[in-house]
Amino acid sequence: MSTANPPSLGICPFCNTEIMTTDVILEYETETGPAVYAECPECRDVVTPQ
């Protein structure tokens, strides 16, 4: 997989910046499926992409 165009996970719920797979800090499984925490490249908050 090329890091030139990493897949998008969604957007930051605070500033609407696109969150990419390269921004993931923690990925884990829940009863309802996978979940992630990522660092927003714009506001630098740790978020769950929407």
PDB file of N, CA and C in Angstrom:
ATOM      1  N   MET A   1       0.851  -1.186   0.000  1.00  0.00           N
ATOM      2  CA  MET A   1       0.000   0.000   0.000  1.00  0.00           C
ATOM      3  C   MET A   1       0.891   1.241   0.000  1.00  0.00           C
ATOM      4  N   SER A   2       0.574   2.180  -0.799  1.00  0.00           N
ATOM      5  CA  SER A   2       1.334   3.418  -0.900  1.00  0.00           C
ATOM      6  C   SER A   2       0.897   4.403   0.169  1.00  0.00           C
ATOM      7  N   THR A   3       1.882   5.061   0.812  1.00  0.00           N
ATOM      8  CA  THR A   3       1.548   6.092   1.793  1.00  0.00           C
ATOM      9  C   THR A   3       1.318   7.436   1.113  1.00  0.00           C
ATOM     10  N   ALA A   4       1.506   7.500  -0.214  1.00  0.00           N
ATOM     11  CA  ALA A   4       1.263   8.743  -0.943  1.00  0.00           C
ATOM     12  C   ALA A   4      -0.217   9.114  -0.905  1.00  0.00           C
ATOM     13  N   ASN A   5      -1.101   8.119  -0.916  1.00  0.00           N
ATOM     14  CA  ASN A   5      -2.538   8.343  -0.865  1.00  0.00           C
ATOM     15  C   ASN A   5      -3.166   7.396   0.161  1.00  0.00           C
ATOM     16  N   PRO A   6      -2.907   7.631   1.465  1.00  0.00           N
ATOM     17  CA  PRO A   6      -3.467   6.723   2.469  1.00  0.00           C
ATOM     18  C   PRO A   6      -4.992   6.836   2.530  1.00  0.00           C
ATOM     19  N   PRO A   7      -5.661   5.730   2.853  1.00  0.00           N
ATOM     20  CA  PRO A   7      -7.128   5.759   2.947  1.00  0.00           C
ATOM     21  C   PRO A   7      -7.625   6.682   4.056  1.00  0.00           C
ATOM     22  N   SER A   8      -8.752   7.286   3.812  1.00  0.00           N
ATOM     23  CA  SER A   8      -9.391   8.171   4.789  1.00  0.00           C
ATOM     24  C   SER A   8     -10.227   7.351   5.761  1.00  0.00           C
ATOM     25  N   LEU A   9     -10.211   7.764   7.042  1.00  0.00           N
ATOM     26  CA  LEU A   9     -11.043   7.128   8.067  1.00  0.00           C
ATOM     27  C   LEU A   9     -12.299   7.939   8.360  1.00  0.00           C
ATOM     28  N   GLY A  10     -12.330   9.167   7.922  1.00  0.00           N
ATOM     29  CA  GLY A  10     -13.449  10.059   8.207  1.00  0.00           C
ATOM     30  C   GLY A  10     -12.917  11.453   8.488  1.00  0.00           C
ATOM     31  N   ILE A  11     -13.690  12.215   9.250  1.00  0.00           N
ATOM     32  CA  ILE A  11     -13.275  13.585   9.559  1.00  0.00           C
ATOM     33  C   ILE A  11     -13.212  13.808  11.063  1.00  0.00           C
ATOM     34  N   CYS A  12     -12.457  14.822  11.460  1.00  0.00           N
ATOM     35  CA  CYS A  12     -12.350  15.229  12.862  1.00  0.00           C
ATOM     36  C   CYS A  12     -13.691  15.827  13.292  1.00  0.00           C
ATOM     37  N   PRO A  13     -14.243  15.374  14.418  1.00  0.00           N
ATOM     38  CA  PRO A  13     -15.514  15.928  14.871  1.00  0.00           C
ATOM     39  C   PRO A  13     -15.415  17.377  15.376  1.00  0.00           C
ATOM     40  N   PHE A  14     -14.192  17.874  15.572  1.00  0.00           N
ATOM     41  CA  PHE A  14     -14.009  19.231  16.084  1.00  0.00           C
ATOM     42  C   PHE A  14     -13.740  20.256  14.990  1.00  0.00           C
ATOM     43  N   CYS A  15     -12.880  19.893  14.013  1.00  0.00           N
ATOM     44  CA  CYS A  15     -12.503  20.896  13.009  1.00  0.00           C
ATOM     45  C   CYS A  15     -12.787  20.454  11.572  1.00  0.00           C
ATOM     46  N   ASN A  16     -13.377  19.269  11.386  1.00  0.00           N
ATOM     47  CA  ASN A  16     -13.758  18.741  10.070  1.00  0.00           C
ATOM     48  C   ASN A  16     -12.592  18.451   9.122  1.00  0.00           C
ATOM     49  N   THR A  17     -11.391  18.290   9.665  1.00  0.00           N
ATOM     50  CA  THR A  17     -10.233  17.911   8.859  1.00  0.00           C
ATOM     51  C   THR A  17     -10.298  16.416   8.580  1.00  0.00           C
ATOM     52  N   GLU A  18      -9.898  16.001   7.396  1.00  0.00           N
ATOM     53  CA  GLU A  18      -9.903  14.585   7.039  1.00  0.00           C
ATOM     54  C   GLU A  18      -8.829  13.836   7.842  1.00  0.00           C
ATOM     55  N   ILE A  19      -9.223  12.710   8.410  1.00  0.00           N
ATOM     56  CA  ILE A  19      -8.321  11.859   9.186  1.00  0.00           C
ATOM     57  C   ILE A  19      -7.941  10.670   8.313  1.00  0.00           C
ATOM     58  N   MET A  20      -6.650  10.429   8.161  1.00  0.00           N
ATOM     59  CA  MET A  20      -6.148   9.349   7.325  1.00  0.00           C
ATOM     60  C   MET A  20      -5.670   8.182   8.195  1.00  0.00           C
ATOM     61  N   THR A  21      -5.492   7.034   7.579  1.00  0.00           N
ATOM     62  CA  THR A  21      -5.013   5.860   8.319  1.00  0.00           C
ATOM     63  C   THR A  21      -3.637   6.096   8.928  1.00  0.00           C
ATOM     64  N   THR A  22      -2.854   6.985   8.363  1.00  0.00           N
ATOM     65  CA  THR A  22      -1.527   7.290   8.904  1.00  0.00           C
ATOM     66  C   THR A  22      -1.605   8.076  10.211  1.00  0.00           C
ATOM     67  N   ASP A  23      -2.781   8.593  10.565  1.00  0.00           N
ATOM     68  CA  ASP A  23      -2.963   9.366  11.798  1.00  0.00           C
ATOM     69  C   ASP A  23      -3.407   8.500  12.976  1.00  0.00           C
ATOM     70  N   VAL A  24      -3.630   7.192  12.750  1.00  0.00           N
ATOM     71  CA  VAL A  24      -4.129   6.298  13.801  1.00  0.00           C
ATOM     72  C   VAL A  24      -3.110   6.155  14.922  1.00  0.00           C
ATOM     73  N   ILE A  25      -3.614   6.274  16.163  1.00  0.00           N
ATOM     74  CA  ILE A  25      -2.801   6.061  17.359  1.00  0.00           C
ATOM     75  C   ILE A  25      -3.098   4.696  17.952  1.00  0.00           C
ATOM     76  N   LEU A  26      -4.393   4.331  17.996  1.00  0.00           N
ATOM     77  CA  LEU A  26      -4.832   3.089  18.622  1.00  0.00           C
ATOM     78  C   LEU A  26      -5.993   2.515  17.831  1.00  0.00           C
ATOM     79  N   GLU A  27      -5.913   1.228  17.535  1.00  0.00           N
ATOM     80  CA  GLU A  27      -6.996   0.533  16.834  1.00  0.00           C
ATOM     81  C   GLU A  27      -7.340  -0.707  17.646  1.00  0.00           C
ATOM     82  N   TYR A  28      -8.643  -0.952  17.860  1.00  0.00           N
ATOM     83  CA  TYR A  28      -9.056  -2.090  18.682  1.00  0.00           C
ATOM     84  C   TYR A  28     -10.426  -2.595  18.244  1.00  0.00           C
ATOM     85  N   GLU A  29     -10.761  -3.803  18.678  1.00  0.00           N
ATOM     86  CA  GLU A  29     -12.047  -4.422  18.365  1.00  0.00           C
ATOM     87  C   GLU A  29     -13.030  -4.208  19.517  1.00  0.00           C
ATOM     88  N   THR A  30     -14.290  -3.954  19.174  1.00  0.00           N
ATOM     89  CA  THR A  30     -15.365  -3.853  20.148  1.00  0.00           C
ATOM     90  C   THR A  30     -16.437  -4.876  19.774  1.00  0.00           C
ATOM     91  N   GLU A  31     -17.466  -4.977  20.570  1.00  0.00           N
ATOM     92  CA  GLU A  31     -18.564  -5.892  20.250  1.00  0.00           C
ATOM     93  C   GLU A  31     -19.269  -5.514  18.952  1.00  0.00           C
ATOM     94  N   THR A  32     -19.224  -4.233  18.606  1.00  0.00           N
ATOM     95  CA  THR A  32     -19.898  -3.762  17.396  1.00  0.00           C
ATOM     96  C   THR A  32     -18.949  -3.613  16.198  1.00  0.00           C
ATOM     97  N   GLY A  33     -17.687  -3.974  16.355  1.00  0.00           N
ATOM     98  CA  GLY A  33     -16.731  -3.896  15.251  1.00  0.00           C
ATOM     99  C   GLY A  33     -15.492  -3.108  15.625  1.00  0.00           C
ATOM    100  N   PRO A  34     -14.639  -2.830  14.647  1.00  0.00           N
ATOM    101  CA  PRO A  34     -13.390  -2.110  14.920  1.00  0.00           C
ATOM    102  C   PRO A  34     -13.638  -0.650  15.299  1.00  0.00           C
ATOM    103  N   ALA A  35     -12.723  -0.109  16.122  1.00  0.00           N
ATOM    104  CA  ALA A  35     -12.775   1.295  16.522  1.00  0.00           C
ATOM    105  C   ALA A  35     -11.349   1.841  16.525  1.00  0.00           C
ATOM    106  N   VAL A  36     -11.208   3.140  16.322  1.00  0.00           N
ATOM    107  CA  VAL A  36      -9.877   3.753  16.299  1.00  0.00           C
ATOM    108  C   VAL A  36      -9.875   5.099  17.019  1.00  0.00           C
ATOM    109  N   TYR A  37      -8.710   5.434  17.523  1.00  0.00           N
ATOM    110  CA  TYR A  37      -8.409   6.782  17.973  1.00  0.00           C
ATOM    111  C   TYR A  37      -7.281   7.270  17.081  1.00  0.00           C
ATOM    112  N   ALA A  38      -7.372   8.512  16.661  1.00  0.00           N
ATOM    113  CA  ALA A  38      -6.368   9.084  15.778  1.00  0.00           C
ATOM    114  C   ALA A  38      -6.072  10.512  16.210  1.00  0.00           C
ATOM    115  N   GLU A  39      -4.893  10.995  15.839  1.00  0.00           N
ATOM    116  CA  GLU A  39      -4.540  12.388  16.117  1.00  0.00           C
ATOM    117  C   GLU A  39      -4.892  13.221  14.901  1.00  0.00           C
ATOM    118  N   CYS A  40      -5.706  14.238  15.119  1.00  0.00           N
ATOM    119  CA  CYS A  40      -6.084  15.134  14.027  1.00  0.00           C
ATOM    120  C   CYS A  40      -4.847  15.932  13.605  1.00  0.00           C
ATOM    121  N   PRO A  41      -4.507  15.923  12.318  1.00  0.00           N
ATOM    122  CA  PRO A  41      -3.327  16.662  11.864  1.00  0.00           C
ATOM    123  C   PRO A  41      -3.494  18.181  11.935  1.00  0.00           C
ATOM    124  N   GLU A  42      -4.730  18.666  12.029  1.00  0.00           N
ATOM    125  CA  GLU A  42      -4.976  20.109  12.075  1.00  0.00           C
ATOM    126  C   GLU A  42      -5.033  20.635  13.510  1.00  0.00           C
ATOM    127  N   CYS A  43      -5.965  20.109  14.322  1.00  0.00           N
ATOM    128  CA  CYS A  43      -6.137  20.649  15.684  1.00  0.00           C
ATOM    129  C   CYS A  43      -5.327  19.881  16.727  1.00  0.00           C
ATOM    130  N   ARG A  44      -4.733  18.756  16.328  1.00  0.00           N
ATOM    131  CA  ARG A  44      -3.839  17.942  17.169  1.00  0.00           C
ATOM    132  C   ARG A  44      -4.545  17.254  18.329  1.00  0.00           C
ATOM    133  N   ASP A  45      -5.885  17.237  18.336  1.00  0.00           N
ATOM    134  CA  ASP A  45      -6.639  16.516  19.363  1.00  0.00           C
ATOM    135  C   ASP A  45      -6.681  15.035  19.012  1.00  0.00           C
ATOM    136  N   VAL A  46      -6.811  14.188  20.028  1.00  0.00           N
ATOM    137  CA  VAL A  46      -7.046  12.771  19.807  1.00  0.00           C
ATOM    138  C   VAL A  46      -8.548  12.597  19.642  1.00  0.00           C
ATOM    139  N   VAL A  47      -8.945  12.003  18.529  1.00  0.00           N
ATOM    140  CA  VAL A  47     -10.365  11.925  18.177  1.00  0.00           C
ATOM    141  C   VAL A  47     -10.729  10.524  17.684  1.00  0.00           C
ATOM    142  N   THR A  48     -12.029  10.270  17.660  1.00  0.00           N
ATOM    143  CA  THR A  48     -12.589   9.125  16.961  1.00  0.00           C
ATOM    144  C   THR A  48     -13.171   9.684  15.680  1.00  0.00           C
ATOM    145  N   PRO A  49     -12.579   9.369  14.520  1.00  0.00           N
ATOM    146  CA  PRO A  49     -13.061   9.939  13.259  1.00  0.00           C
ATOM    147  C   PRO A  49     -14.544   9.659  13.030  1.00  0.00           C
ATOM    148  N   GLN A  50     -15.242  10.635  12.495  1.00  0.00           N
ATOM    149  CA  GLN A  50     -16.677  10.520  12.209  1.00  0.00           C
ATOM    150  C   GLN A  50     -16.888  10.232  10.744  1.00  0.00           C
TER     151      GLN A  50
END
